[in-house]
Amino acid sequence: MIRGAQHVRHFSADEVAAQLGHPLQSNAEGPEYFVTSLPLADGSKFLVFGVGLSSPQVDRLDLEFEPAPGQCPLSVAALQPVLTAAGATPAQWQAPIRFGSVAEWDSRAGSLLITAIVDGKYGAADTDACIQRISLQILGEH
């Protein structure tokens, strides 16, 4: 999905559904224009939201994990080789803005900003931190 998004101007529901191999539900209201939920092998869920200012030109995909009890569907360490394989920069840790807020790991692939969100209690050395959400944001012109 990261590789396919590097040269697009927006995410279309049809393209995202084709890449996921799963249908999407449309939402006519609010900033979330399409959504789907996929079960993972460990009992966790993987949610995909298409977010944007104007439908159908969604400029951000949010990939959210709902882990099963005791599971971590994706850690920061496991994400790094995926980023490398997609031609993205290695993710860099960004400290929480304020106490109690989330921490981020940011990466770039062309005009695509990839942000992995983890609990703010983790630091730069905690690459085993479980990712809560990944946002794929298309920035500017290509």
C-alpha atoms as a PDB file:
ATOM      1  CA  MET A   1       0.000   0.000   0.000  1.00  0.00           C
ATOM      2  CA  ILE A   2       2.873   2.391   0.793  1.00  0.00           C
ATOM      3  CA  ARG A   3       4.556   1.737  -2.537  1.00  0.00           C
ATOM      4  CA  GLY A   4       1.300   2.224  -4.434  1.00  0.00           C
ATOM      5  CA  ALA A   5       0.571   5.525  -2.675  1.00  0.00           C
ATOM      6  CA  GLN A   6       3.885   7.223  -3.442  1.00  0.00           C
ATOM      7  CA  HIS A   7       2.736   8.728  -6.740  1.00  0.00           C
ATOM      8  CA  VAL A   8      -1.000   9.317  -6.276  1.00  0.00           C
ATOM      9  CA  ARG A   9      -2.807  12.586  -5.624  1.00  0.00           C
ATOM     10  CA  HIS A  10      -5.536  11.000  -3.532  1.00  0.00           C
ATOM     11  CA  PHE A  11      -6.737   7.626  -2.298  1.00  0.00           C
ATOM     12  CA  SER A  12      -9.835   6.365  -4.092  1.00  0.00           C
ATOM     13  CA  ALA A  13     -12.132   3.888  -2.417  1.00  0.00           C
ATOM     14  CA  ASP A  14     -11.928   1.550  -5.435  1.00  0.00           C
ATOM     15  CA  GLU A  15      -8.105   1.484  -5.403  1.00  0.00           C
ATOM     16  CA  VAL A  16      -7.929   0.914  -1.648  1.00  0.00           C
ATOM     17  CA  ALA A  17     -10.515  -1.879  -1.843  1.00  0.00           C
ATOM     18  CA  ALA A  18      -8.554  -3.520  -4.670  1.00  0.00           C
ATOM     19  CA  GLN A  19      -5.276  -3.358  -2.708  1.00  0.00           C
ATOM     20  CA  LEU A  20      -6.939  -4.762   0.406  1.00  0.00           C
ATOM     21  CA  GLY A  21      -8.948  -7.346  -1.501  1.00  0.00           C
ATOM     22  CA  HIS A  22     -11.864  -6.357   0.692  1.00  0.00           C
ATOM     23  CA  PRO A  23     -14.953  -4.161   0.106  1.00  0.00           C
ATOM     24  CA  LEU A  24     -15.256  -0.770   1.784  1.00  0.00           C
ATOM     25  CA  GLN A  25     -18.273   0.858   3.383  1.00  0.00           C
ATOM     26  CA  SER A  26     -18.982   4.401   2.215  1.00  0.00           C
ATOM     27  CA  ASN A  27     -19.775   7.193   4.641  1.00  0.00           C
ATOM     28  CA  ALA A  28     -21.538  10.220   3.167  1.00  0.00           C
ATOM     29  CA  GLU A  29     -20.933  12.461   6.183  1.00  0.00           C
ATOM     30  CA  GLY A  30     -17.931  13.709   8.096  1.00  0.00           C
ATOM     31  CA  PRO A  31     -14.269  13.574   7.188  1.00  0.00           C
ATOM     32  CA  GLU A  32     -14.154   9.738   7.052  1.00  0.00           C
ATOM     33  CA  TYR A  33     -15.400   8.813   3.601  1.00  0.00           C
ATOM     34  CA  PHE A  34     -14.866   5.075   3.625  1.00  0.00           C
ATOM     35  CA  VAL A  35     -14.044   2.423   6.169  1.00  0.00           C
ATOM     36  CA  THR A  36     -13.536  -1.305   6.497  1.00  0.00           C
ATOM     37  CA  SER A  37     -12.589  -3.744   9.230  1.00  0.00           C
ATOM     38  CA  LEU A  38     -10.430  -6.806   8.597  1.00  0.00           C
ATOM     39  CA  PRO A  39      -9.815  -9.639  11.059  1.00  0.00           C
ATOM     40  CA  LEU A  40      -6.187 -10.691  11.616  1.00  0.00           C
ATOM     41  CA  ALA A  41      -4.991 -14.238  12.283  1.00  0.00           C
ATOM     42  CA  ASP A  42      -4.238 -13.523  15.973  1.00  0.00           C
ATOM     43  CA  GLY A  43      -7.822 -12.363  16.664  1.00  0.00           C
ATOM     44  CA  SER A  44      -6.983  -8.663  16.356  1.00  0.00           C
ATOM     45  CA  LYS A  45      -8.791  -6.286  14.005  1.00  0.00           C
ATOM     46  CA  PHE A  46      -7.355  -3.951  11.425  1.00  0.00           C
ATOM     47  CA  LEU A  47      -9.480  -0.901  10.542  1.00  0.00           C
ATOM     48  CA  VAL A  48      -8.927   1.267   7.465  1.00  0.00           C
ATOM     49  CA  PHE A  49     -10.379   4.784   7.260  1.00  0.00           C
ATOM     50  CA  GLY A  50     -10.227   7.098   4.248  1.00  0.00           C
ATOM     51  CA  VAL A  51     -10.058  10.684   5.537  1.00  0.00           C
ATOM     52  CA  GLY A  52     -10.102  13.925   3.554  1.00  0.00           C
ATOM     53  CA  LEU A  53     -11.524  17.366   3.090  1.00  0.00           C
ATOM     54  CA  SER A  54     -13.626  16.489   0.056  1.00  0.00           C
ATOM     55  CA  SER A  55     -14.982  13.145  -1.041  1.00  0.00           C
ATOM     56  CA  PRO A  56     -13.949  11.227  -3.088  1.00  0.00           C
ATOM     57  CA  GLN A  57     -10.502  12.830  -2.962  1.00  0.00           C
ATOM     58  CA  VAL A  58      -9.270  11.313   0.257  1.00  0.00           C
ATOM     59  CA  ASP A  59      -5.720  12.436   1.077  1.00  0.00           C
ATOM     60  CA  ARG A  60      -5.144  10.333   4.185  1.00  0.00           C
ATOM     61  CA  LEU A  61      -5.562   6.689   5.091  1.00  0.00           C
ATOM     62  CA  ASP A  62      -5.667   5.763   8.750  1.00  0.00           C
ATOM     63  CA  LEU A  63      -4.848   2.152   9.529  1.00  0.00           C
ATOM     64  CA  GLU A  64      -5.908   1.410  13.084  1.00  0.00           C
ATOM     65  CA  PHE A  65      -5.238  -1.739  15.080  1.00  0.00           C
ATOM     66  CA  GLU A  66      -7.559  -3.215  17.692  1.00  0.00           C
ATOM     67  CA  PRO A  67      -5.334  -5.870  19.278  1.00  0.00           C
ATOM     68  CA  ALA A  68      -6.739  -9.037  20.741  1.00  0.00           C
ATOM     69  CA  PRO A  69      -5.905  -9.426  24.452  1.00  0.00           C
ATOM     70  CA  GLY A  70      -2.157  -9.947  24.868  1.00  0.00           C
ATOM     71  CA  GLN A  71      -1.415  -9.423  21.160  1.00  0.00           C
ATOM     72  CA  CYS A  72       0.602  -6.824  19.254  1.00  0.00           C
ATOM     73  CA  PRO A  73      -0.351  -6.941  15.565  1.00  0.00           C
ATOM     74  CA  LEU A  74       2.532  -4.670  14.500  1.00  0.00           C
ATOM     75  CA  SER A  75       5.535  -3.284  16.374  1.00  0.00           C
ATOM     76  CA  VAL A  76       7.797  -0.416  15.336  1.00  0.00           C
ATOM     77  CA  ALA A  77      10.632  -2.914  14.754  1.00  0.00           C
ATOM     78  CA  ALA A  78       8.422  -4.968  12.417  1.00  0.00           C
ATOM     79  CA  LEU A  79       7.368  -1.826  10.507  1.00  0.00           C
ATOM     80  CA  GLN A  80      10.936  -0.711   9.703  1.00  0.00           C
ATOM     81  CA  PRO A  81      11.696  -3.432   7.080  1.00  0.00           C
ATOM     82  CA  VAL A  82       8.287  -2.807   5.464  1.00  0.00           C
ATOM     83  CA  LEU A  83       9.209   0.867   5.070  1.00  0.00           C
ATOM     84  CA  THR A  84      12.617  -0.024   3.632  1.00  0.00           C
ATOM     85  CA  ALA A  85      11.081  -2.467   1.144  1.00  0.00           C
ATOM     86  CA  ALA A  86       8.654   0.251   0.013  1.00  0.00           C
ATOM     87  CA  GLY A  87      11.493   2.738  -0.567  1.00  0.00           C
ATOM     88  CA  ALA A  88      10.618   4.904   2.431  1.00  0.00           C
ATOM     89  CA  THR A  89      13.062   6.509   4.825  1.00  0.00           C
ATOM     90  CA  PRO A  90      13.617   4.720   8.140  1.00  0.00           C
ATOM     91  CA  ALA A  91      11.049   5.861  10.703  1.00  0.00           C
ATOM     92  CA  GLN A  92      12.354   8.470  13.151  1.00  0.00           C
ATOM     93  CA  TRP A  93      10.998   8.773  16.683  1.00  0.00           C
ATOM     94  CA  GLN A  94       9.151  11.970  17.618  1.00  0.00           C
ATOM     95  CA  ALA A  95       8.663  12.586  21.339  1.00  0.00           C
ATOM     96  CA  PRO A  96       5.155  13.234  22.664  1.00  0.00           C
ATOM     97  CA  ILE A  97       4.139  16.887  22.450  1.00  0.00           C
ATOM     98  CA  ARG A  98       2.970  16.875  26.056  1.00  0.00           C
ATOM     99  CA  PHE A  99       2.847  14.439  28.954  1.00  0.00           C
ATOM    100  CA  GLY A 100       0.314  11.696  28.343  1.00  0.00           C
ATOM    101  CA  SER A 101      -0.011  12.256  24.585  1.00  0.00           C
ATOM    102  CA  VAL A 102       1.041   9.765  21.936  1.00  0.00           C
ATOM    103  CA  ALA A 103       4.505   9.398  20.443  1.00  0.00           C
ATOM    104  CA  GLU A 104       5.097   9.135  16.698  1.00  0.00           C
ATOM    105  CA  TRP A 105       7.495   7.437  14.335  1.00  0.00           C
ATOM    106  CA  ASP A 106       7.642   9.391  11.053  1.00  0.00           C
ATOM    107  CA  SER A 107       8.874   8.248   7.642  1.00  0.00           C
ATOM    108  CA  ARG A 108       8.692   9.629   4.080  1.00  0.00           C
ATOM    109  CA  ALA A 109       8.277   7.976   0.709  1.00  0.00           C
ATOM    110  CA  GLY A 110       8.184  10.630  -1.990  1.00  0.00           C
ATOM    111  CA  SER A 111       5.296  12.961  -1.127  1.00  0.00           C
ATOM    112  CA  LEU A 112       3.811  10.410   1.281  1.00  0.00           C
ATOM    113  CA  LEU A 113       4.209  10.981   5.018  1.00  0.00           C
ATOM    114  CA  ILE A 114       3.905   7.782   7.042  1.00  0.00           C
ATOM    115  CA  THR A 115       3.212   8.262  10.750  1.00  0.00           C
ATOM    116  CA  ALA A 116       3.062   5.368  13.206  1.00  0.00           C
ATOM    117  CA  ILE A 117       1.398   6.244  16.523  1.00  0.00           C
ATOM    118  CA  VAL A 118       2.433   4.506  19.758  1.00  0.00           C
ATOM    119  CA  ASP A 119       1.607   5.097  23.408  1.00  0.00           C
ATOM    120  CA  GLY A 120       3.476   8.127  24.772  1.00  0.00           C
ATOM    121  CA  LYS A 121       5.027   6.065  27.558  1.00  0.00           C
ATOM    122  CA  TYR A 122       7.475   4.598  25.025  1.00  0.00           C
ATOM    123  CA  GLY A 123      10.774   6.176  24.034  1.00  0.00           C
ATOM    124  CA  ALA A 124      13.069   6.048  21.024  1.00  0.00           C
ATOM    125  CA  ALA A 125      14.705   2.817  22.210  1.00  0.00           C
ATOM    126  CA  ASP A 126      11.373   1.003  22.565  1.00  0.00           C
ATOM    127  CA  THR A 127      11.116  -0.401  19.061  1.00  0.00           C
ATOM    128  CA  ASP A 128       9.043  -3.289  20.414  1.00  0.00           C
ATOM    129  CA  ALA A 129       6.255  -0.756  21.109  1.00  0.00           C
ATOM    130  CA  CYS A 130       2.941  -1.833  19.649  1.00  0.00           C
ATOM    131  CA  ILE A 131       1.619   0.495  16.950  1.00  0.00           C
ATOM    132  CA  GLN A 132      -1.890   1.807  17.582  1.00  0.00           C
ATOM    133  CA  ARG A 133      -2.408   3.564  14.250  1.00  0.00           C
ATOM    134  CA  ILE A 134      -0.573   4.309  11.016  1.00  0.00           C
ATOM    135  CA  SER A 135      -1.514   7.342   8.941  1.00  0.00           C
ATOM    136  CA  LEU A 136      -0.564   7.611   5.278  1.00  0.00           C
ATOM    137  CA  GLN A 137      -0.838  11.311   4.334  1.00  0.00           C
ATOM    138  CA  ILE A 138      -0.351  12.598   0.785  1.00  0.00           C
ATOM    139  CA  LEU A 139       1.450  15.947   0.904  1.00  0.00           C
ATOM    140  CA  GLY A 140       1.426  18.559  -1.882  1.00  0.00           C
ATOM    141  CA  GLU A 141       1.831  18.043  -5.598  1.00  0.00           C
ATOM    142  CA  HIS A 142       3.764  15.162  -7.185  1.00  0.00           C
END
